[in-house]
Amino acid sequence: MYRITTFYKTLVVTFGLLFWPTNVEAHLVTTGMGPVYDGIGHLLLTPEDLVPALALALYAGLRGKAPGRRALFFFPLAWLLGGFIGLGADTMPTFPLPALSFLLLGVLIAADLRLPDNVFTVLAVAVGIMHGFFNGIALKTGPSGLGLLGIMAALFVLVALVAAFVVALKPPWTRIVVRVAGSWVAAMGLLMIGWFFRGQG
């Protein structure tokens, strides 16, 4: 009986020590491979950035090759520009602006709306600047400008792969699958906005 009690006590103490927090880092991802990789990790592990980037790439792919090329170059550059603006900002907007990009991009994909190429370019730049701005604020105390360069590189690869994949889809049902994914993105945006207003009440 004494042995069993000692075993359980040792087990509890061991697990307590293993799960005792030594370093707490909120939001920022530290890969241990340098600031560029920290930026890449930040993008890939932050759904409020990753989902709109994927959504924009899906929408660009639905629109065809020309919008896909525009998104490939303008979107990462706009994100970088917004990030540098965010590095110099002192305050973060209170309204959840990323939720609006979820909602807008999700509706565009789900409805399969055909925007003119110039309007699409403005949309890609606006979404990139907005999300880059929030990234700049978040990365100010961490990887900073090099982290933003990592994010830009990851976005270039991500948009290239996803948009090219969607452009290559031929059967009609595959476009419906992409549009359903867009409806989920729009639903996420509505939920985010709803949670924000619920918290204000």
N, C-alpha and C. Protein backbone atom coordinates (compact mmCIF):
# COMPACT_ATOMS: atom_id res chain seq x y z
N MET A 1 0.84 -1.21 0.00
CA MET A 1 0.00 0.00 0.00
C MET A 1 0.87 1.25 0.00
N TYR A 2 1.94 1.22 0.83
CA TYR A 2 2.85 2.37 0.92
C TYR A 2 3.51 2.63 -0.42
N ARG A 3 3.89 1.51 -1.13
CA ARG A 3 4.54 1.64 -2.44
C ARG A 3 3.63 2.33 -3.45
N ILE A 4 2.37 1.93 -3.48
CA ILE A 4 1.42 2.51 -4.43
C ILE A 4 1.22 3.99 -4.15
N THR A 5 1.08 4.36 -2.90
CA THR A 5 0.89 5.77 -2.53
C THR A 5 2.12 6.59 -2.92
N THR A 6 3.29 6.07 -2.68
CA THR A 6 4.53 6.77 -3.05
C THR A 6 4.63 6.92 -4.57
N PHE A 7 4.24 5.88 -5.29
CA PHE A 7 4.28 5.94 -6.76
C PHE A 7 3.39 7.07 -7.28
N TYR A 8 2.16 7.15 -6.75
CA TYR A 8 1.23 8.19 -7.21
C TYR A 8 1.71 9.59 -6.83
N LYS A 9 2.28 9.71 -5.65
CA LYS A 9 2.82 11.02 -5.23
C LYS A 9 3.96 11.44 -6.16
N THR A 10 4.84 10.48 -6.46
CA THR A 10 5.95 10.77 -7.37
C THR A 10 5.44 11.15 -8.75
N LEU A 11 4.42 10.44 -9.21
CA LEU A 11 3.83 10.73 -10.52
C LEU A 11 3.24 12.13 -10.57
N VAL A 12 2.50 12.51 -9.53
CA VAL A 12 1.87 13.84 -9.47
C VAL A 12 2.94 14.92 -9.44
N VAL A 13 3.97 14.73 -8.63
CA VAL A 13 5.05 15.73 -8.54
C VAL A 13 5.78 15.85 -9.88
N THR A 14 6.06 14.71 -10.53
CA THR A 14 6.76 14.72 -11.82
C THR A 14 5.96 15.49 -12.87
N PHE A 15 4.65 15.17 -12.98
CA PHE A 15 3.82 15.88 -13.95
C PHE A 15 3.69 17.36 -13.60
N GLY A 16 3.63 17.65 -12.31
CA GLY A 16 3.57 19.06 -11.89
C GLY A 16 4.79 19.84 -12.35
N LEU A 17 5.98 19.21 -12.19
CA LEU A 17 7.22 19.87 -12.61
C LEU A 17 7.31 19.99 -14.14
N LEU A 18 6.85 18.94 -14.84
CA LEU A 18 6.91 18.97 -16.30
C LEU A 18 6.03 20.07 -16.88
N PHE A 19 4.88 20.29 -16.27
CA PHE A 19 3.94 21.27 -16.81
C PHE A 19 4.05 22.63 -16.14
N TRP A 20 5.05 22.81 -15.28
CA TRP A 20 5.26 24.10 -14.64
C TRP A 20 5.78 25.09 -15.68
N PRO A 21 5.08 26.21 -15.89
CA PRO A 21 5.53 27.15 -16.94
C PRO A 21 6.78 27.89 -16.53
N THR A 22 7.74 27.91 -17.42
CA THR A 22 8.96 28.68 -17.17
C THR A 22 9.00 29.94 -18.02
N ASN A 23 8.60 29.84 -19.27
CA ASN A 23 8.57 30.97 -20.19
C ASN A 23 7.19 31.05 -20.81
N VAL A 24 6.58 32.18 -20.76
CA VAL A 24 5.27 32.35 -21.38
C VAL A 24 5.39 33.38 -22.48
N GLU A 25 4.99 33.01 -23.71
CA GLU A 25 5.02 33.92 -24.84
C GLU A 25 3.66 33.94 -25.48
N ALA A 26 3.04 35.10 -25.44
CA ALA A 26 1.69 35.22 -25.99
C ALA A 26 1.76 35.62 -27.46
N HIS A 27 1.09 34.85 -28.30
CA HIS A 27 0.88 35.17 -29.71
C HIS A 27 2.12 34.94 -30.58
N LEU A 28 3.28 35.48 -30.20
CA LEU A 28 4.44 35.35 -31.07
C LEU A 28 4.97 33.92 -31.07
N VAL A 29 5.41 33.50 -32.23
CA VAL A 29 5.94 32.15 -32.39
C VAL A 29 7.46 32.26 -32.48
N THR A 30 8.16 31.48 -31.65
CA THR A 30 9.61 31.46 -31.69
C THR A 30 10.06 30.08 -32.16
N THR A 31 10.63 30.04 -33.35
CA THR A 31 11.03 28.75 -33.92
C THR A 31 12.43 28.35 -33.49
N GLY A 32 13.24 29.32 -33.08
CA GLY A 32 14.63 29.03 -32.74
C GLY A 32 15.54 29.04 -33.96
N MET A 33 14.98 29.37 -35.14
CA MET A 33 15.78 29.37 -36.37
C MET A 33 16.00 30.78 -36.91
N GLY A 34 15.66 31.80 -36.13
CA GLY A 34 15.89 33.17 -36.56
C GLY A 34 14.59 33.91 -36.85
N PRO A 35 14.70 35.23 -36.99
CA PRO A 35 13.49 36.06 -37.14
C PRO A 35 12.70 35.81 -38.42
N VAL A 36 13.37 35.46 -39.52
CA VAL A 36 12.65 35.20 -40.77
C VAL A 36 11.72 34.00 -40.60
N TYR A 37 12.25 32.93 -40.00
CA TYR A 37 11.43 31.73 -39.77
C TYR A 37 10.37 31.99 -38.71
N ASP A 38 10.67 32.87 -37.74
CA ASP A 38 9.66 33.24 -36.75
C ASP A 38 8.47 33.91 -37.44
N GLY A 39 8.75 34.75 -38.43
CA GLY A 39 7.68 35.39 -39.19
C GLY A 39 6.85 34.37 -39.95
N ILE A 40 7.52 33.41 -40.58
CA ILE A 40 6.80 32.35 -41.31
C ILE A 40 5.93 31.56 -40.34
N GLY A 41 6.49 31.21 -39.19
CA GLY A 41 5.74 30.47 -38.18
C GLY A 41 4.55 31.26 -37.68
N HIS A 42 4.74 32.57 -37.52
CA HIS A 42 3.65 33.44 -37.07
C HIS A 42 2.48 33.40 -38.05
N LEU A 43 2.79 33.48 -39.34
CA LEU A 43 1.72 33.44 -40.35
C LEU A 43 1.00 32.09 -40.34
N LEU A 44 1.76 31.02 -40.34
CA LEU A 44 1.17 29.68 -40.47
C LEU A 44 0.39 29.25 -39.23
N LEU A 45 0.68 29.87 -38.08
CA LEU A 45 0.01 29.48 -36.84
C LEU A 45 -0.97 30.54 -36.34
N THR A 46 -1.28 31.53 -37.17
CA THR A 46 -2.23 32.57 -36.79
C THR A 46 -3.42 32.52 -37.74
N PRO A 47 -4.52 31.88 -37.33
CA PRO A 47 -5.65 31.70 -38.25
C PRO A 47 -6.22 33.00 -38.80
N GLU A 48 -6.21 34.09 -38.00
CA GLU A 48 -6.78 35.34 -38.51
C GLU A 48 -5.96 35.97 -39.62
N ASP A 49 -4.74 35.46 -39.84
CA ASP A 49 -3.94 35.88 -40.99
C ASP A 49 -3.93 34.82 -42.09
N LEU A 50 -3.80 33.56 -41.68
CA LEU A 50 -3.67 32.48 -42.64
C LEU A 50 -4.96 32.27 -43.45
N VAL A 51 -6.11 32.30 -42.78
CA VAL A 51 -7.38 32.04 -43.48
C VAL A 51 -7.67 33.09 -44.55
N PRO A 52 -7.56 34.41 -44.25
CA PRO A 52 -7.79 35.37 -45.33
C PRO A 52 -6.78 35.28 -46.47
N ALA A 53 -5.53 34.92 -46.16
CA ALA A 53 -4.54 34.74 -47.22
C ALA A 53 -4.93 33.59 -48.13
N LEU A 54 -5.37 32.49 -47.53
CA LEU A 54 -5.85 31.35 -48.33
C LEU A 54 -7.09 31.73 -49.12
N ALA A 55 -8.00 32.50 -48.47
CA ALA A 55 -9.24 32.90 -49.14
C ALA A 55 -8.95 33.78 -50.35
N LEU A 56 -8.01 34.71 -50.20
CA LEU A 56 -7.67 35.58 -51.34
C LEU A 56 -7.08 34.76 -52.48
N ALA A 57 -6.24 33.78 -52.13
CA ALA A 57 -5.65 32.91 -53.15
C ALA A 57 -6.73 32.07 -53.84
N LEU A 58 -7.70 31.58 -53.08
CA LEU A 58 -8.81 30.82 -53.67
C LEU A 58 -9.61 31.69 -54.63
N TYR A 59 -9.90 32.92 -54.20
CA TYR A 59 -10.67 33.82 -55.06
C TYR A 59 -9.89 34.18 -56.32
N ALA A 60 -8.59 34.43 -56.17
CA ALA A 60 -7.76 34.73 -57.34
C ALA A 60 -7.77 33.56 -58.31
N GLY A 61 -7.69 32.33 -57.78
CA GLY A 61 -7.73 31.16 -58.64
C GLY A 61 -9.05 31.00 -59.36
N LEU A 62 -10.15 31.31 -58.67
CA LEU A 62 -11.46 31.26 -59.32
C LEU A 62 -11.57 32.26 -60.47
N ARG A 63 -10.92 33.40 -60.33
CA ARG A 63 -11.00 34.44 -61.33
C ARG A 63 -10.11 34.18 -62.54
N GLY A 64 -9.10 33.34 -62.39
CA GLY A 64 -8.27 33.00 -63.54
C GLY A 64 -6.80 33.36 -63.40
N LYS A 65 -6.07 33.24 -64.49
CA LYS A 65 -4.61 33.40 -64.45
C LYS A 65 -4.18 34.84 -64.17
N ALA A 66 -4.81 35.81 -64.83
CA ALA A 66 -4.37 37.21 -64.66
C ALA A 66 -4.55 37.69 -63.21
N PRO A 67 -5.73 37.50 -62.59
CA PRO A 67 -5.85 37.88 -61.18
C PRO A 67 -4.91 37.09 -60.28
N GLY A 68 -4.67 35.83 -60.64
CA GLY A 68 -3.73 35.04 -59.85
C GLY A 68 -2.33 35.63 -59.86
N ARG A 69 -1.90 36.10 -61.03
CA ARG A 69 -0.58 36.74 -61.11
C ARG A 69 -0.56 38.05 -60.32
N ARG A 70 -1.64 38.81 -60.42
CA ARG A 70 -1.70 40.08 -59.67
C ARG A 70 -1.63 39.82 -58.17
N ALA A 71 -2.38 38.83 -57.70
CA ALA A 71 -2.37 38.50 -56.27
C ALA A 71 -0.99 38.02 -55.85
N LEU A 72 -0.32 37.27 -56.71
CA LEU A 72 0.98 36.71 -56.39
C LEU A 72 2.00 37.79 -56.05
N PHE A 73 1.94 38.92 -56.75
CA PHE A 73 2.94 39.97 -56.53
C PHE A 73 2.43 41.10 -55.63
N PHE A 74 1.21 41.57 -55.86
CA PHE A 74 0.72 42.73 -55.12
C PHE A 74 0.38 42.40 -53.66
N PHE A 75 -0.19 41.22 -53.42
CA PHE A 75 -0.64 40.87 -52.07
C PHE A 75 0.52 40.79 -51.07
N PRO A 76 1.59 40.03 -51.35
CA PRO A 76 2.70 39.99 -50.38
C PRO A 76 3.38 41.36 -50.20
N LEU A 77 3.51 42.13 -51.29
CA LEU A 77 4.14 43.45 -51.16
C LEU A 77 3.28 44.39 -50.32
N ALA A 78 1.95 44.34 -50.51
CA ALA A 78 1.05 45.16 -49.70
C ALA A 78 1.12 44.75 -48.23
N TRP A 79 1.22 43.45 -47.98
CA TRP A 79 1.33 42.95 -46.60
C TRP A 79 2.61 43.50 -45.96
N LEU A 80 3.70 43.48 -46.72
CA LEU A 80 4.98 44.00 -46.21
C LEU A 80 4.87 45.49 -45.90
N LEU A 81 4.25 46.24 -46.82
CA LEU A 81 4.07 47.68 -46.60
C LEU A 81 3.24 47.94 -45.35
N GLY A 82 2.11 47.23 -45.23
CA GLY A 82 1.28 47.38 -44.04
C GLY A 82 2.03 47.02 -42.77
N GLY A 83 2.89 46.00 -42.86
CA GLY A 83 3.67 45.59 -41.70
C GLY A 83 4.62 46.68 -41.25
N PHE A 84 5.29 47.35 -42.19
CA PHE A 84 6.20 48.43 -41.81
C PHE A 84 5.43 49.62 -41.23
N ILE A 85 4.22 49.86 -41.73
CA ILE A 85 3.38 50.90 -41.13
C ILE A 85 3.02 50.51 -39.70
N GLY A 86 2.69 49.23 -39.50
CA GLY A 86 2.33 48.74 -38.17
C GLY A 86 3.48 48.81 -37.18
N LEU A 87 4.71 48.62 -37.67
CA LEU A 87 5.88 48.71 -36.77
C LEU A 87 6.00 50.10 -36.14
N GLY A 88 5.52 51.11 -36.87
CA GLY A 88 5.59 52.48 -36.34
C GLY A 88 4.35 52.93 -35.61
N ALA A 89 3.33 52.07 -35.56
CA ALA A 89 2.07 52.46 -34.92
C ALA A 89 2.15 52.26 -33.41
N ASP A 90 1.40 53.08 -32.68
CA ASP A 90 1.39 53.00 -31.22
C ASP A 90 0.16 52.27 -30.68
N THR A 91 -0.95 52.35 -31.39
CA THR A 91 -2.19 51.74 -30.89
C THR A 91 -2.77 50.78 -31.92
N MET A 92 -3.53 49.82 -31.41
CA MET A 92 -4.21 48.86 -32.28
C MET A 92 -5.69 49.22 -32.35
N PRO A 93 -6.29 49.19 -33.56
CA PRO A 93 -7.73 49.47 -33.66
C PRO A 93 -8.53 48.48 -32.82
N THR A 94 -9.62 48.98 -32.23
CA THR A 94 -10.43 48.13 -31.36
C THR A 94 -11.37 47.24 -32.17
N PHE A 95 -11.86 47.74 -33.31
CA PHE A 95 -12.80 46.93 -34.11
C PHE A 95 -12.04 45.81 -34.79
N PRO A 96 -12.61 44.59 -34.83
CA PRO A 96 -11.90 43.44 -35.45
C PRO A 96 -11.92 43.53 -36.97
N LEU A 97 -11.04 44.37 -37.53
CA LEU A 97 -10.97 44.54 -38.98
C LEU A 97 -10.68 43.24 -39.73
N PRO A 98 -9.83 42.33 -39.19
CA PRO A 98 -9.63 41.07 -39.91
C PRO A 98 -10.93 40.31 -40.16
N ALA A 99 -11.89 40.45 -39.26
CA ALA A 99 -13.18 39.76 -39.44
C ALA A 99 -13.88 40.25 -40.71
N LEU A 100 -13.69 41.52 -41.04
CA LEU A 100 -14.30 42.05 -42.27
C LEU A 100 -13.69 41.41 -43.51
N SER A 101 -12.38 41.14 -43.47
CA SER A 101 -11.77 40.48 -44.64
C SER A 101 -12.26 39.04 -44.75
N PHE A 102 -12.45 38.36 -43.62
CA PHE A 102 -13.05 37.02 -43.64
C PHE A 102 -14.40 37.09 -44.35
N LEU A 103 -15.23 38.03 -43.90
CA LEU A 103 -16.60 38.14 -44.41
C LEU A 103 -16.62 38.50 -45.89
N LEU A 104 -15.86 39.52 -46.26
CA LEU A 104 -15.85 40.00 -47.64
C LEU A 104 -15.32 38.94 -48.61
N LEU A 105 -14.16 38.38 -48.29
CA LEU A 105 -13.57 37.37 -49.18
C LEU A 105 -14.44 36.11 -49.24
N GLY A 106 -14.99 35.73 -48.10
CA GLY A 106 -15.85 34.56 -48.08
C GLY A 106 -17.08 34.73 -48.95
N VAL A 107 -17.70 35.92 -48.89
CA VAL A 107 -18.88 36.19 -49.72
C VAL A 107 -18.51 36.21 -51.20
N LEU A 108 -17.37 36.82 -51.53
CA LEU A 108 -16.94 36.87 -52.94
C LEU A 108 -16.71 35.47 -53.50
N ILE A 109 -16.10 34.60 -52.69
CA ILE A 109 -15.85 33.23 -53.15
C ILE A 109 -17.16 32.46 -53.27
N ALA A 110 -17.99 32.53 -52.22
CA ALA A 110 -19.23 31.76 -52.22
C ALA A 110 -20.17 32.17 -53.35
N ALA A 111 -20.22 33.49 -53.62
CA ALA A 111 -21.10 33.98 -54.69
C ALA A 111 -20.45 33.87 -56.06
N ASP A 112 -19.14 33.59 -56.10
CA ASP A 112 -18.39 33.51 -57.35
C ASP A 112 -18.55 34.80 -58.17
N LEU A 113 -18.46 35.93 -57.46
CA LEU A 113 -18.63 37.24 -58.13
C LEU A 113 -17.41 37.56 -58.97
N ARG A 114 -17.65 38.12 -60.15
CA ARG A 114 -16.56 38.47 -61.07
C ARG A 114 -16.25 39.96 -60.96
N LEU A 115 -15.23 40.28 -60.20
CA LEU A 115 -14.79 41.67 -60.09
C LEU A 115 -13.85 41.99 -61.25
N PRO A 116 -13.87 43.22 -61.76
CA PRO A 116 -12.86 43.62 -62.75
C PRO A 116 -11.46 43.46 -62.17
N ASP A 117 -10.49 43.21 -63.03
CA ASP A 117 -9.12 42.96 -62.57
C ASP A 117 -8.57 44.10 -61.71
N ASN A 118 -8.87 45.34 -62.09
CA ASN A 118 -8.37 46.49 -61.32
C ASN A 118 -8.98 46.53 -59.93
N VAL A 119 -10.27 46.21 -59.83
CA VAL A 119 -10.94 46.19 -58.52
C VAL A 119 -10.38 45.06 -57.67
N PHE A 120 -10.12 43.92 -58.31
CA PHE A 120 -9.51 42.81 -57.59
C PHE A 120 -8.14 43.21 -57.03
N THR A 121 -7.36 43.93 -57.84
CA THR A 121 -6.04 44.36 -57.38
C THR A 121 -6.15 45.26 -56.17
N VAL A 122 -7.12 46.20 -56.20
CA VAL A 122 -7.33 47.09 -55.05
C VAL A 122 -7.71 46.28 -53.82
N LEU A 123 -8.57 45.28 -54.01
CA LEU A 123 -8.97 44.41 -52.90
C LEU A 123 -7.77 43.69 -52.30
N ALA A 124 -6.94 43.11 -53.16
CA ALA A 124 -5.76 42.37 -52.69
C ALA A 124 -4.82 43.28 -51.92
N VAL A 125 -4.61 44.49 -52.42
CA VAL A 125 -3.72 45.45 -51.76
C VAL A 125 -4.32 45.87 -50.42
N ALA A 126 -5.63 46.15 -50.38
CA ALA A 126 -6.27 46.59 -49.14
C ALA A 126 -6.20 45.51 -48.06
N VAL A 127 -6.49 44.27 -48.44
CA VAL A 127 -6.44 43.16 -47.47
C VAL A 127 -5.00 42.96 -47.00
N GLY A 128 -4.05 43.03 -47.92
CA GLY A 128 -2.65 42.87 -47.55
C GLY A 128 -2.17 43.95 -46.60
N ILE A 129 -2.50 45.19 -46.87
CA ILE A 129 -2.07 46.29 -46.00
C ILE A 129 -2.69 46.15 -44.61
N MET A 130 -3.98 45.82 -44.57
CA MET A 130 -4.66 45.72 -43.28
C MET A 130 -4.05 44.62 -42.41
N HIS A 131 -3.91 43.42 -42.97
CA HIS A 131 -3.35 42.32 -42.17
C HIS A 131 -1.87 42.55 -41.88
N GLY A 132 -1.16 43.13 -42.81
CA GLY A 132 0.24 43.45 -42.55
C GLY A 132 0.39 44.45 -41.42
N PHE A 133 -0.53 45.42 -41.34
CA PHE A 133 -0.51 46.41 -40.26
C PHE A 133 -0.61 45.73 -38.90
N PHE A 134 -1.56 44.80 -38.78
CA PHE A 134 -1.71 44.08 -37.51
C PHE A 134 -0.50 43.22 -37.21
N ASN A 135 0.10 42.63 -38.23
CA ASN A 135 1.33 41.84 -38.04
C ASN A 135 2.47 42.73 -37.58
N GLY A 136 2.56 43.92 -38.16
CA GLY A 136 3.62 44.84 -37.76
C GLY A 136 3.53 45.19 -36.28
N ILE A 137 2.32 45.42 -35.80
CA ILE A 137 2.12 45.72 -34.38
C ILE A 137 2.51 44.50 -33.54
N ALA A 138 2.09 43.31 -33.97
CA ALA A 138 2.36 42.09 -33.20
C ALA A 138 3.85 41.74 -33.19
N LEU A 139 4.55 42.03 -34.28
CA LEU A 139 5.96 41.63 -34.39
C LEU A 139 6.93 42.72 -33.93
N LYS A 140 6.38 43.82 -33.44
CA LYS A 140 7.22 44.96 -33.06
C LYS A 140 8.24 44.57 -32.00
N THR A 141 7.81 43.79 -31.02
CA THR A 141 8.71 43.41 -29.92
C THR A 141 9.46 42.11 -30.20
N GLY A 142 9.24 41.51 -31.36
CA GLY A 142 9.89 40.24 -31.67
C GLY A 142 10.77 40.34 -32.89
N PRO A 143 10.44 39.55 -33.93
CA PRO A 143 11.30 39.49 -35.12
C PRO A 143 11.28 40.74 -35.98
N SER A 144 10.34 41.63 -35.78
CA SER A 144 10.29 42.93 -36.45
C SER A 144 10.34 42.81 -37.98
N GLY A 145 11.19 43.64 -38.64
CA GLY A 145 11.22 43.71 -40.10
C GLY A 145 11.61 42.41 -40.77
N LEU A 146 12.54 41.66 -40.18
CA LEU A 146 12.94 40.38 -40.77
C LEU A 146 11.79 39.36 -40.71
N GLY A 147 11.01 39.44 -39.65
CA GLY A 147 9.84 38.58 -39.55
C GLY A 147 8.83 38.89 -40.65
N LEU A 148 8.68 40.18 -40.96
CA LEU A 148 7.78 40.59 -42.04
C LEU A 148 8.26 40.07 -43.39
N LEU A 149 9.58 40.06 -43.59
CA LEU A 149 10.12 39.49 -44.83
C LEU A 149 9.82 38.00 -44.93
N GLY A 150 9.89 37.30 -43.81
CA GLY A 150 9.54 35.88 -43.79
C GLY A 150 8.09 35.66 -44.14
N ILE A 151 7.22 36.52 -43.61
CA ILE A 151 5.79 36.43 -43.92
C ILE A 151 5.56 36.68 -45.40
N MET A 152 6.24 37.69 -45.95
CA MET A 152 6.07 38.01 -47.37
C MET A 152 6.48 36.83 -48.25
N ALA A 153 7.59 36.20 -47.92
CA ALA A 153 8.05 35.04 -48.70
C ALA A 153 7.05 33.89 -48.60
N ALA A 154 6.54 33.65 -47.39
CA ALA A 154 5.57 32.57 -47.21
C ALA A 154 4.28 32.85 -47.97
N LEU A 155 3.85 34.11 -47.98
CA LEU A 155 2.65 34.48 -48.72
C LEU A 155 2.82 34.27 -50.21
N PHE A 156 3.99 34.61 -50.73
CA PHE A 156 4.26 34.43 -52.16
C PHE A 156 4.09 32.95 -52.54
N VAL A 157 4.69 32.07 -51.74
CA VAL A 157 4.60 30.63 -52.01
C VAL A 157 3.17 30.13 -51.85
N LEU A 158 2.52 30.58 -50.78
CA LEU A 158 1.15 30.14 -50.50
C LEU A 158 0.18 30.53 -51.60
N VAL A 159 0.25 31.80 -52.02
CA VAL A 159 -0.65 32.29 -53.07
C VAL A 159 -0.35 31.58 -54.38
N ALA A 160 0.93 31.38 -54.69
CA ALA A 160 1.30 30.70 -55.94
C ALA A 160 0.71 29.29 -55.98
N LEU A 161 0.86 28.54 -54.90
CA LEU A 161 0.40 27.15 -54.89
C LEU A 161 -1.12 27.06 -54.92
N VAL A 162 -1.79 27.82 -54.06
CA VAL A 162 -3.25 27.71 -53.95
C VAL A 162 -3.94 28.25 -55.19
N ALA A 163 -3.53 29.43 -55.65
CA ALA A 163 -4.17 30.01 -56.83
C ALA A 163 -3.95 29.12 -58.06
N ALA A 164 -2.74 28.61 -58.24
CA ALA A 164 -2.45 27.73 -59.39
C ALA A 164 -3.27 26.45 -59.30
N PHE A 165 -3.43 25.93 -58.09
CA PHE A 165 -4.23 24.71 -57.92
C PHE A 165 -5.69 24.96 -58.34
N VAL A 166 -6.25 26.10 -57.91
CA VAL A 166 -7.65 26.39 -58.24
C VAL A 166 -7.81 26.69 -59.74
N VAL A 167 -6.86 27.41 -60.33
CA VAL A 167 -6.93 27.69 -61.77
C VAL A 167 -6.95 26.38 -62.57
N ALA A 168 -6.22 25.38 -62.08
CA ALA A 168 -6.11 24.11 -62.81
C ALA A 168 -7.35 23.22 -62.65
N LEU A 169 -8.26 23.57 -61.77
CA LEU A 169 -9.46 22.74 -61.57
C LEU A 169 -10.37 22.83 -62.79
N LYS A 170 -10.76 21.69 -63.33
CA LYS A 170 -11.59 21.67 -64.53
C LYS A 170 -13.04 21.25 -64.29
N PRO A 171 -13.30 20.14 -63.57
CA PRO A 171 -14.70 19.72 -63.40
C PRO A 171 -15.52 20.79 -62.67
N PRO A 172 -16.77 21.01 -63.07
CA PRO A 172 -17.60 22.05 -62.44
C PRO A 172 -17.79 21.86 -60.93
N TRP A 173 -17.85 20.59 -60.48
CA TRP A 173 -18.09 20.37 -59.06
C TRP A 173 -16.93 20.86 -58.19
N THR A 174 -15.72 20.94 -58.77
CA THR A 174 -14.57 21.40 -57.98
C THR A 174 -14.70 22.88 -57.64
N ARG A 175 -15.28 23.67 -58.55
CA ARG A 175 -15.53 25.08 -58.24
C ARG A 175 -16.57 25.21 -57.13
N ILE A 176 -17.52 24.30 -57.11
CA ILE A 176 -18.53 24.33 -56.04
C ILE A 176 -17.87 24.06 -54.69
N VAL A 177 -16.92 23.13 -54.66
CA VAL A 177 -16.19 22.84 -53.42
C VAL A 177 -15.47 24.09 -52.93
N VAL A 178 -14.82 24.82 -53.84
CA VAL A 178 -14.12 26.05 -53.47
C VAL A 178 -15.11 27.08 -52.95
N ARG A 179 -16.27 27.18 -53.59
CA ARG A 179 -17.29 28.13 -53.15
C ARG A 179 -17.84 27.78 -51.77
N VAL A 180 -17.99 26.49 -51.49
CA VAL A 180 -18.42 26.06 -50.16
C VAL A 180 -17.38 26.46 -49.11
N ALA A 181 -16.10 26.30 -49.45
CA ALA A 181 -15.03 26.74 -48.54
C ALA A 181 -15.15 28.23 -48.27
N GLY A 182 -15.50 29.00 -49.31
CA GLY A 182 -15.71 30.44 -49.14
C GLY A 182 -16.85 30.74 -48.20
N SER A 183 -17.92 29.95 -48.25
CA SER A 183 -19.04 30.19 -47.35
C SER A 183 -18.63 29.94 -45.90
N TRP A 184 -17.73 28.98 -45.68
CA TRP A 184 -17.23 28.74 -44.32
C TRP A 184 -16.40 29.93 -43.83
N VAL A 185 -15.60 30.49 -44.73
CA VAL A 185 -14.79 31.67 -44.36
C VAL A 185 -15.72 32.83 -43.99
N ALA A 186 -16.77 33.05 -44.77
CA ALA A 186 -17.73 34.11 -44.47
C ALA A 186 -18.40 33.86 -43.12
N ALA A 187 -18.74 32.60 -42.84
CA ALA A 187 -19.37 32.27 -41.56
C ALA A 187 -18.43 32.57 -40.39
N MET A 188 -17.13 32.27 -40.58
CA MET A 188 -16.15 32.59 -39.54
C MET A 188 -16.11 34.10 -39.28
N GLY A 189 -16.16 34.89 -40.36
CA GLY A 189 -16.16 36.34 -40.21
C GLY A 189 -17.37 36.82 -39.43
N LEU A 190 -18.54 36.27 -39.73
CA LEU A 190 -19.76 36.65 -38.99
C LEU A 190 -19.63 36.29 -37.51
N LEU A 191 -19.08 35.12 -37.23
CA LEU A 191 -18.90 34.72 -35.83
C LEU A 191 -17.94 35.66 -35.10
N MET A 192 -16.86 36.04 -35.76
CA MET A 192 -15.89 36.94 -35.14
C MET A 192 -16.52 38.29 -34.83
N ILE A 193 -17.30 38.81 -35.77
CA ILE A 193 -17.97 40.09 -35.54
C ILE A 193 -19.00 39.95 -34.41
N GLY A 194 -19.74 38.83 -34.41
CA GLY A 194 -20.72 38.59 -33.36
C GLY A 194 -20.09 38.52 -31.98
N TRP A 195 -18.95 37.82 -31.88
CA TRP A 195 -18.24 37.73 -30.59
C TRP A 195 -17.77 39.10 -30.13
N PHE A 196 -17.32 39.92 -31.09
CA PHE A 196 -16.86 41.25 -30.73
C PHE A 196 -17.99 42.07 -30.11
N PHE A 197 -19.15 42.09 -30.77
CA PHE A 197 -20.27 42.89 -30.26
C PHE A 197 -20.85 42.29 -28.98
N ARG A 198 -20.78 40.98 -28.85
CA ARG A 198 -21.25 40.35 -27.61
C ARG A 198 -20.37 40.78 -26.44
N GLY A 199 -19.06 40.87 -26.72
CA GLY A 199 -18.13 41.31 -25.66
C GLY A 199 -18.30 42.77 -25.29
N GLN A 200 -18.83 43.57 -26.21
CA GLN A 200 -19.04 44.99 -25.94
C GLN A 200 -20.27 45.23 -25.09
N GLY A 201 -21.20 44.26 -25.12
CA GLY A 201 -22.47 44.44 -24.42
C GLY A 201 -22.37 44.30 -22.92
